[in-house]
């Protein structure tokens, strides 16, 4: 049995399409898996001057998706969160942050997902930072955080 040339070409193109689709799906799966498995940096204390009265401690990098079914919108919020603590309490707060890193992360994600979209449109994000700080203080009173600071903030909103 002889197979015509145009059928051989069709089989080659079909095979090539399957290979490309498989590679694309594999890269998407790796991207999604790496997004959720991203570990916070090992160096969590951010301090430029050891004699400063206030020290900064990194609470992690976040990328959080939220759905707003009533508004038919979904949002993706990206930011880095830092806590400002007094010099005397920086060692104890750093220890508590390292011991409870996942709990802090869960609290920040919960506060972010429960926040309405209008909170993210404030210029200084005061309402958003307050929501996170109230949740952290309520769940972990041993954290002596004076203020929270948000860096590298990005908000993407899509209509469904």
N, C-alpha and C. Protein backbone atom coordinates (compact mmCIF):
# COMPACT_ATOMS: atom_id res chain seq x y z
N UNK A 1 0.85 -1.18 0.00
CA UNK A 1 0.00 0.00 0.00
C UNK A 1 0.89 1.23 0.00
N UNK A 2 0.61 2.13 -0.87
CA UNK A 2 1.39 3.36 -1.00
C UNK A 2 0.56 4.52 -0.44
N UNK A 3 1.20 5.29 0.43
CA UNK A 3 0.53 6.44 1.03
C UNK A 3 0.91 7.68 0.21
N UNK A 4 -0.08 8.46 -0.21
CA UNK A 4 0.21 9.66 -0.99
C UNK A 4 1.02 10.68 -0.18
N UNK A 5 1.78 11.51 -0.88
CA UNK A 5 2.66 12.50 -0.24
C UNK A 5 1.89 13.51 0.61
N UNK A 6 0.73 13.95 0.16
CA UNK A 6 -0.01 14.95 0.93
C UNK A 6 -0.49 14.38 2.28
N UNK A 7 -0.79 13.09 2.36
CA UNK A 7 -1.18 12.48 3.63
C UNK A 7 0.02 12.37 4.57
N UNK A 8 1.18 12.09 4.03
CA UNK A 8 2.41 12.04 4.85
C UNK A 8 2.69 13.42 5.43
N UNK A 9 2.54 14.46 4.61
CA UNK A 9 2.76 15.83 5.10
C UNK A 9 1.75 16.18 6.19
N UNK A 10 0.48 15.78 6.01
CA UNK A 10 -0.54 16.04 7.03
C UNK A 10 -0.19 15.35 8.34
N UNK A 11 0.31 14.11 8.26
CA UNK A 11 0.71 13.39 9.47
C UNK A 11 1.89 14.08 10.15
N UNK A 12 2.83 14.58 9.36
CA UNK A 12 3.98 15.28 9.93
C UNK A 12 3.54 16.55 10.63
N UNK A 13 2.63 17.33 10.01
CA UNK A 13 2.16 18.56 10.62
C UNK A 13 1.35 18.27 11.88
N UNK A 14 0.55 17.22 11.86
CA UNK A 14 -0.23 16.84 13.04
C UNK A 14 0.71 16.44 14.17
N UNK A 15 1.73 15.67 13.87
CA UNK A 15 2.71 15.27 14.88
C UNK A 15 3.43 16.49 15.44
N UNK A 16 3.80 17.41 14.56
CA UNK A 16 4.48 18.62 14.99
C UNK A 16 3.57 19.46 15.88
N UNK A 17 2.30 19.59 15.55
CA UNK A 17 1.35 20.34 16.37
C UNK A 17 1.19 19.70 17.75
N UNK A 18 1.12 18.39 17.79
CA UNK A 18 1.00 17.70 19.08
C UNK A 18 2.22 17.93 19.95
N UNK A 19 3.39 17.91 19.37
CA UNK A 19 4.63 18.14 20.12
C UNK A 19 4.64 19.57 20.68
N UNK A 20 4.26 20.54 19.86
CA UNK A 20 4.24 21.94 20.30
C UNK A 20 3.21 22.13 21.41
N UNK A 21 2.02 21.57 21.27
CA UNK A 21 0.98 21.70 22.29
C UNK A 21 1.42 21.04 23.60
N UNK A 22 2.06 19.89 23.53
CA UNK A 22 2.54 19.20 24.73
C UNK A 22 3.60 20.04 25.43
N UNK A 23 4.51 20.63 24.67
CA UNK A 23 5.54 21.48 25.26
C UNK A 23 4.93 22.71 25.90
N UNK A 24 3.94 23.31 25.25
CA UNK A 24 3.28 24.50 25.81
C UNK A 24 2.55 24.16 27.09
N UNK A 25 1.84 23.05 27.12
CA UNK A 25 1.14 22.64 28.33
C UNK A 25 2.10 22.34 29.47
N UNK A 26 3.21 21.71 29.16
CA UNK A 26 4.20 21.40 30.19
C UNK A 26 4.79 22.67 30.77
N UNK A 27 5.06 23.66 29.94
CA UNK A 27 5.63 24.90 30.46
C UNK A 27 4.61 25.66 31.29
N UNK A 28 3.32 25.62 30.90
CA UNK A 28 2.28 26.27 31.70
C UNK A 28 2.14 25.58 33.06
N UNK A 29 2.17 24.27 33.08
CA UNK A 29 2.06 23.53 34.33
C UNK A 29 3.22 23.85 35.25
N UNK A 30 4.43 23.95 34.68
CA UNK A 30 5.59 24.31 35.50
C UNK A 30 5.47 25.72 36.05
N UNK A 31 4.94 26.64 35.26
CA UNK A 31 4.79 28.02 35.71
C UNK A 31 3.78 28.11 36.85
N UNK A 32 2.66 27.40 36.74
CA UNK A 32 1.65 27.41 37.79
C UNK A 32 2.20 26.75 39.06
N UNK A 33 2.89 25.64 38.89
CA UNK A 33 3.44 24.94 40.07
C UNK A 33 4.50 25.78 40.75
N UNK A 34 5.36 26.44 39.99
CA UNK A 34 6.41 27.25 40.60
C UNK A 34 5.84 28.49 41.26
N UNK A 35 4.70 29.00 40.72
CA UNK A 35 4.07 30.17 41.31
C UNK A 35 3.59 29.87 42.72
N UNK A 36 3.00 28.71 42.93
CA UNK A 36 2.45 28.37 44.23
C UNK A 36 3.49 27.81 45.18
N UNK A 37 4.59 27.31 44.68
CA UNK A 37 5.61 26.70 45.53
C UNK A 37 6.75 27.66 45.82
N UNK A 38 6.58 28.93 45.48
CA UNK A 38 7.65 29.89 45.68
C UNK A 38 7.89 30.10 47.18
N UNK A 39 9.07 29.82 47.61
CA UNK A 39 9.43 29.99 49.01
C UNK A 39 9.94 31.41 49.23
N UNK A 40 9.67 31.98 50.41
CA UNK A 40 10.20 33.30 50.69
C UNK A 40 11.72 33.27 50.80
N UNK A 41 12.31 34.39 50.59
CA UNK A 41 13.77 34.48 50.64
C UNK A 41 14.28 34.12 52.03
N UNK A 42 15.45 33.48 52.07
CA UNK A 42 16.02 33.08 53.34
C UNK A 42 16.43 34.29 54.16
N UNK A 43 16.84 35.35 53.50
CA UNK A 43 17.24 36.57 54.19
C UNK A 43 16.00 37.43 54.37
N UNK A 44 15.44 37.46 55.59
CA UNK A 44 14.19 38.19 55.79
C UNK A 44 14.39 39.51 56.51
N UNK A 45 15.53 39.76 57.08
CA UNK A 45 15.77 41.03 57.75
C UNK A 45 16.35 42.01 56.73
N UNK A 46 15.69 43.14 56.59
CA UNK A 46 16.16 44.16 55.68
C UNK A 46 16.50 45.37 56.52
N UNK A 47 17.77 45.61 56.71
CA UNK A 47 18.21 46.72 57.52
C UNK A 47 19.51 47.26 56.95
N UNK A 48 19.54 48.56 56.68
CA UNK A 48 20.71 49.16 56.09
C UNK A 48 21.62 49.79 57.14
N UNK A 49 21.05 50.24 58.22
CA UNK A 49 21.81 50.89 59.27
C UNK A 49 21.56 50.15 60.59
N UNK A 50 22.58 49.47 61.15
CA UNK A 50 22.35 48.71 62.39
C UNK A 50 22.02 49.60 63.58
N UNK A 51 22.31 50.90 63.50
CA UNK A 51 22.03 51.81 64.61
C UNK A 51 20.69 52.51 64.47
N UNK A 52 19.94 52.19 63.44
CA UNK A 52 18.64 52.84 63.21
C UNK A 52 17.65 52.42 64.29
N UNK A 53 16.73 53.33 64.60
CA UNK A 53 15.73 53.06 65.63
C UNK A 53 14.66 52.08 65.14
N UNK A 54 14.43 52.05 63.83
CA UNK A 54 13.43 51.16 63.25
C UNK A 54 14.12 50.22 62.26
N UNK A 55 13.76 48.95 62.34
CA UNK A 55 14.29 47.94 61.42
C UNK A 55 13.15 47.41 60.56
N UNK A 56 13.49 47.00 59.35
CA UNK A 56 12.50 46.43 58.45
C UNK A 56 12.70 44.93 58.34
N UNK A 57 11.59 44.20 58.38
CA UNK A 57 11.63 42.74 58.26
C UNK A 57 10.70 42.36 57.12
N UNK A 58 11.21 41.58 56.18
CA UNK A 58 10.40 41.16 55.05
C UNK A 58 9.41 40.08 55.48
N UNK A 59 8.15 40.28 55.09
CA UNK A 59 7.12 39.29 55.37
C UNK A 59 6.78 38.48 54.13
N UNK A 60 7.51 38.72 53.03
CA UNK A 60 7.35 37.88 51.85
C UNK A 60 6.88 38.61 50.62
N UNK A 61 6.99 37.90 49.49
CA UNK A 61 6.49 38.35 48.20
C UNK A 61 5.18 37.62 47.95
N UNK A 62 4.19 38.35 47.46
CA UNK A 62 2.86 37.77 47.29
C UNK A 62 2.35 37.99 45.87
N UNK A 63 1.63 37.00 45.38
CA UNK A 63 0.88 37.09 44.14
C UNK A 63 -0.44 36.38 44.42
N UNK A 64 -1.50 37.17 44.54
CA UNK A 64 -2.78 36.65 45.02
C UNK A 64 -3.87 36.94 43.99
N UNK A 65 -4.61 35.91 43.63
CA UNK A 65 -5.75 36.07 42.74
C UNK A 65 -7.04 36.07 43.55
N UNK A 66 -7.94 36.97 43.20
CA UNK A 66 -9.24 37.07 43.87
C UNK A 66 -10.34 37.16 42.83
N UNK A 67 -11.49 36.62 43.19
CA UNK A 67 -12.64 36.64 42.29
C UNK A 67 -13.75 37.44 42.95
N UNK A 68 -14.38 38.30 42.17
CA UNK A 68 -15.49 39.11 42.62
C UNK A 68 -16.69 38.78 41.75
N UNK A 69 -17.49 37.75 42.12
CA UNK A 69 -18.57 37.29 41.25
C UNK A 69 -19.66 38.33 41.04
N UNK A 70 -19.94 39.17 42.04
CA UNK A 70 -20.99 40.17 41.90
C UNK A 70 -20.62 41.19 40.82
N UNK A 71 -19.36 41.61 40.81
CA UNK A 71 -18.88 42.58 39.82
C UNK A 71 -18.42 41.91 38.53
N UNK A 72 -18.43 40.60 38.50
CA UNK A 72 -17.94 39.83 37.35
C UNK A 72 -16.51 40.23 37.00
N UNK A 73 -15.66 40.26 38.03
CA UNK A 73 -14.26 40.64 37.83
C UNK A 73 -13.36 39.69 38.60
N UNK A 74 -12.14 39.61 38.12
CA UNK A 74 -11.12 38.88 38.87
C UNK A 74 -9.88 39.75 38.90
N UNK A 75 -9.16 39.68 40.00
CA UNK A 75 -7.98 40.53 40.15
C UNK A 75 -6.77 39.69 40.53
N UNK A 76 -5.62 40.21 40.16
CA UNK A 76 -4.35 39.63 40.58
C UNK A 76 -3.56 40.75 41.22
N UNK A 77 -3.18 40.55 42.47
CA UNK A 77 -2.44 41.55 43.23
C UNK A 77 -1.05 41.00 43.50
N UNK A 78 -0.02 41.79 43.18
CA UNK A 78 1.37 41.41 43.47
C UNK A 78 1.98 42.49 44.34
N UNK A 79 2.70 42.07 45.37
CA UNK A 79 3.38 43.04 46.22
C UNK A 79 4.39 42.33 47.11
N UNK A 80 5.26 43.14 47.70
CA UNK A 80 6.20 42.67 48.71
C UNK A 80 5.84 43.40 49.99
N UNK A 81 5.76 42.67 51.09
CA UNK A 81 5.32 43.24 52.35
C UNK A 81 6.47 43.29 53.35
N UNK A 82 6.63 44.44 54.00
CA UNK A 82 7.66 44.64 55.02
C UNK A 82 7.02 45.12 56.30
N UNK A 83 7.58 44.70 57.43
CA UNK A 83 7.13 45.16 58.74
C UNK A 83 8.20 46.04 59.35
N UNK A 84 7.79 47.17 59.90
CA UNK A 84 8.72 48.06 60.60
C UNK A 84 8.60 47.77 62.09
N UNK A 85 9.73 47.46 62.72
CA UNK A 85 9.75 47.16 64.15
C UNK A 85 10.85 47.97 64.83
N UNK A 86 10.69 48.16 66.13
CA UNK A 86 11.71 48.88 66.89
C UNK A 86 12.98 48.05 66.99
N UNK A 87 14.09 48.74 67.14
CA UNK A 87 15.41 48.08 67.20
C UNK A 87 15.47 47.04 68.32
N UNK A 88 14.90 47.37 69.47
CA UNK A 88 14.96 46.47 70.63
C UNK A 88 14.18 45.17 70.39
N UNK A 89 13.14 45.25 69.59
CA UNK A 89 12.26 44.10 69.39
C UNK A 89 12.53 43.36 68.08
N UNK A 90 13.50 43.82 67.31
CA UNK A 90 13.71 43.24 65.98
C UNK A 90 14.13 41.76 66.04
N UNK A 91 14.95 41.40 66.98
CA UNK A 91 15.39 40.00 67.07
C UNK A 91 14.23 39.07 67.42
N UNK A 92 13.39 39.47 68.38
CA UNK A 92 12.27 38.62 68.77
C UNK A 92 11.21 38.55 67.66
N UNK A 93 10.96 39.67 66.99
CA UNK A 93 9.99 39.67 65.90
C UNK A 93 10.50 38.83 64.73
N UNK A 94 11.78 38.93 64.43
CA UNK A 94 12.36 38.13 63.36
C UNK A 94 12.23 36.63 63.66
N UNK A 95 12.44 36.26 64.91
CA UNK A 95 12.30 34.86 65.32
C UNK A 95 10.85 34.39 65.15
N UNK A 96 9.89 35.22 65.58
CA UNK A 96 8.48 34.86 65.46
C UNK A 96 8.07 34.77 63.99
N UNK A 97 8.58 35.69 63.17
CA UNK A 97 8.26 35.66 61.74
C UNK A 97 8.79 34.39 61.10
N UNK A 98 10.00 34.00 61.43
CA UNK A 98 10.58 32.78 60.86
C UNK A 98 9.82 31.54 61.33
N UNK A 99 9.39 31.51 62.59
CA UNK A 99 8.67 30.35 63.12
C UNK A 99 7.26 30.22 62.54
N UNK A 100 6.64 31.35 62.24
CA UNK A 100 5.24 31.35 61.80
C UNK A 100 5.08 31.92 60.40
N UNK A 101 6.03 31.69 59.54
CA UNK A 101 6.01 32.25 58.18
C UNK A 101 4.75 31.85 57.42
N UNK A 102 4.33 30.59 57.49
CA UNK A 102 3.14 30.14 56.75
C UNK A 102 1.85 30.72 57.33
N UNK A 103 1.79 30.85 58.64
CA UNK A 103 0.59 31.44 59.25
C UNK A 103 0.46 32.90 58.84
N UNK A 104 1.57 33.63 58.83
CA UNK A 104 1.55 35.03 58.40
C UNK A 104 1.12 35.11 56.95
N UNK A 105 1.65 34.22 56.14
CA UNK A 105 1.29 34.20 54.71
C UNK A 105 -0.20 33.95 54.53
N UNK A 106 -0.77 33.01 55.28
CA UNK A 106 -2.20 32.72 55.20
C UNK A 106 -3.04 33.93 55.61
N UNK A 107 -2.61 34.62 56.66
CA UNK A 107 -3.34 35.80 57.13
C UNK A 107 -3.30 36.92 56.09
N UNK A 108 -2.16 37.12 55.47
CA UNK A 108 -2.04 38.17 54.44
C UNK A 108 -2.90 37.82 53.23
N UNK A 109 -2.89 36.56 52.82
CA UNK A 109 -3.71 36.13 51.68
C UNK A 109 -5.19 36.30 51.99
N UNK A 110 -5.61 35.94 53.19
CA UNK A 110 -7.01 36.09 53.58
C UNK A 110 -7.43 37.55 53.57
N UNK A 111 -6.60 38.41 54.16
CA UNK A 111 -6.92 39.84 54.20
C UNK A 111 -6.99 40.42 52.80
N UNK A 112 -6.12 39.97 51.92
CA UNK A 112 -6.11 40.49 50.55
C UNK A 112 -7.35 40.04 49.78
N UNK A 113 -7.73 38.79 49.93
CA UNK A 113 -8.89 38.29 49.19
C UNK A 113 -10.20 38.86 49.71
N UNK A 114 -10.25 39.22 50.97
CA UNK A 114 -11.47 39.80 51.53
C UNK A 114 -11.59 41.30 51.28
N UNK A 115 -10.54 41.93 50.82
CA UNK A 115 -10.55 43.38 50.59
C UNK A 115 -11.30 43.69 49.30
N UNK A 116 -12.14 44.73 49.32
CA UNK A 116 -12.79 45.14 48.07
C UNK A 116 -11.80 45.82 47.14
N UNK A 117 -12.12 45.88 45.87
CA UNK A 117 -11.21 46.46 44.89
C UNK A 117 -10.91 47.94 45.16
N UNK A 118 -11.83 48.65 45.80
CA UNK A 118 -11.60 50.08 46.07
C UNK A 118 -10.43 50.30 47.02
N UNK A 119 -10.14 49.34 47.88
CA UNK A 119 -9.03 49.46 48.83
C UNK A 119 -7.70 49.52 48.08
N UNK A 120 -7.60 48.82 46.96
CA UNK A 120 -6.35 48.79 46.21
C UNK A 120 -6.13 50.04 45.36
N UNK A 121 -7.14 50.89 45.26
CA UNK A 121 -7.01 52.07 44.43
C UNK A 121 -6.61 53.31 45.23
N UNK A 122 -6.40 53.17 46.53
CA UNK A 122 -5.91 54.28 47.35
C UNK A 122 -4.44 54.52 47.03
N UNK A 123 -4.01 55.79 47.01
CA UNK A 123 -2.61 56.06 46.63
C UNK A 123 -1.57 55.49 47.59
N UNK A 124 -1.84 55.49 48.88
CA UNK A 124 -0.86 54.99 49.85
C UNK A 124 -1.21 53.61 50.40
N UNK A 125 -2.31 53.03 49.93
CA UNK A 125 -2.78 51.70 50.37
C UNK A 125 -2.96 51.62 51.88
N UNK A 126 -3.35 52.72 52.49
CA UNK A 126 -3.49 52.77 53.95
C UNK A 126 -4.55 51.78 54.45
N UNK A 127 -5.68 51.72 53.78
CA UNK A 127 -6.74 50.79 54.20
C UNK A 127 -6.32 49.34 54.05
N UNK A 128 -5.64 49.04 52.97
CA UNK A 128 -5.15 47.68 52.73
C UNK A 128 -4.12 47.28 53.79
N UNK A 129 -3.17 48.18 54.05
CA UNK A 129 -2.14 47.87 55.06
C UNK A 129 -2.78 47.73 56.45
N UNK A 130 -3.79 48.54 56.74
CA UNK A 130 -4.47 48.46 58.04
C UNK A 130 -5.20 47.13 58.19
N UNK A 131 -5.86 46.67 57.13
CA UNK A 131 -6.57 45.38 57.18
C UNK A 131 -5.60 44.24 57.51
N UNK A 132 -4.45 44.25 56.88
CA UNK A 132 -3.44 43.21 57.14
C UNK A 132 -2.92 43.33 58.56
N UNK A 133 -2.59 44.55 58.98
CA UNK A 133 -2.03 44.76 60.32
C UNK A 133 -3.01 44.35 61.41
N UNK A 134 -4.28 44.69 61.25
CA UNK A 134 -5.30 44.30 62.25
C UNK A 134 -5.40 42.77 62.34
N UNK A 135 -5.40 42.12 61.20
CA UNK A 135 -5.50 40.65 61.17
C UNK A 135 -4.27 40.01 61.83
N UNK A 136 -3.07 40.54 61.55
CA UNK A 136 -1.84 40.00 62.15
C UNK A 136 -1.82 40.23 63.65
N UNK A 137 -2.21 41.42 64.10
CA UNK A 137 -2.21 41.71 65.54
C UNK A 137 -3.23 40.86 66.29
N UNK A 138 -4.37 40.61 65.66
CA UNK A 138 -5.40 39.82 66.32
C UNK A 138 -4.97 38.35 66.45
N UNK A 139 -4.36 37.82 65.41
CA UNK A 139 -3.99 36.40 65.42
C UNK A 139 -2.67 36.15 66.15
N UNK A 140 -1.76 37.13 66.11
CA UNK A 140 -0.43 36.94 66.71
C UNK A 140 -0.05 38.19 67.51
N UNK A 141 -0.55 38.30 68.74
CA UNK A 141 -0.25 39.50 69.53
C UNK A 141 1.23 39.63 69.91
N UNK A 142 2.00 38.54 69.79
CA UNK A 142 3.42 38.61 70.12
C UNK A 142 4.24 39.35 69.06
N UNK A 143 3.63 39.60 67.91
CA UNK A 143 4.31 40.38 66.87
C UNK A 143 4.20 41.87 67.22
N UNK A 144 5.33 42.48 67.48
CA UNK A 144 5.35 43.89 67.85
C UNK A 144 5.65 44.73 66.61
N UNK A 145 4.72 44.73 65.68
CA UNK A 145 4.90 45.47 64.42
C UNK A 145 4.33 46.87 64.59
N UNK A 146 5.16 47.87 64.26
CA UNK A 146 4.71 49.25 64.34
C UNK A 146 3.91 49.66 63.10
N UNK A 147 4.42 49.28 61.94
CA UNK A 147 3.81 49.68 60.68
C UNK A 147 4.13 48.67 59.60
N UNK A 148 3.26 48.57 58.61
CA UNK A 148 3.51 47.72 57.45
C UNK A 148 3.76 48.60 56.24
N UNK A 149 4.66 48.15 55.37
CA UNK A 149 4.97 48.86 54.14
C UNK A 149 4.85 47.90 52.97
N UNK A 150 4.25 48.41 51.90
CA UNK A 150 4.05 47.62 50.68
C UNK A 150 4.98 48.16 49.61
N UNK A 151 5.68 47.24 48.96
CA UNK A 151 6.60 47.61 47.89
C UNK A 151 6.26 46.81 46.65
N UNK A 152 6.64 47.30 45.48
CA UNK A 152 6.44 46.60 44.19
C UNK A 152 4.99 46.20 44.00
N UNK A 153 4.06 47.12 44.28
CA UNK A 153 2.64 46.81 44.17
C UNK A 153 2.18 46.84 42.72
N UNK A 154 1.39 45.84 42.34
CA UNK A 154 0.82 45.78 41.01
C UNK A 154 -0.57 45.17 41.10
N UNK A 155 -1.52 45.78 40.42
CA UNK A 155 -2.91 45.30 40.43
C UNK A 155 -3.36 45.13 38.99
N UNK A 156 -3.86 43.94 38.68
CA UNK A 156 -4.42 43.67 37.36
C UNK A 156 -5.86 43.21 37.56
N UNK A 157 -6.80 43.90 36.87
CA UNK A 157 -8.22 43.57 36.99
C UNK A 157 -8.72 43.15 35.62
N UNK A 158 -9.42 42.01 35.60
CA UNK A 158 -10.01 41.51 34.35
C UNK A 158 -11.51 41.36 34.54
N UNK A 159 -12.25 41.72 33.54
CA UNK A 159 -13.70 41.49 33.54
C UNK A 159 -13.97 40.10 32.99
N UNK A 160 -14.92 39.43 33.62
CA UNK A 160 -15.27 38.07 33.17
C UNK A 160 -16.32 38.09 32.09
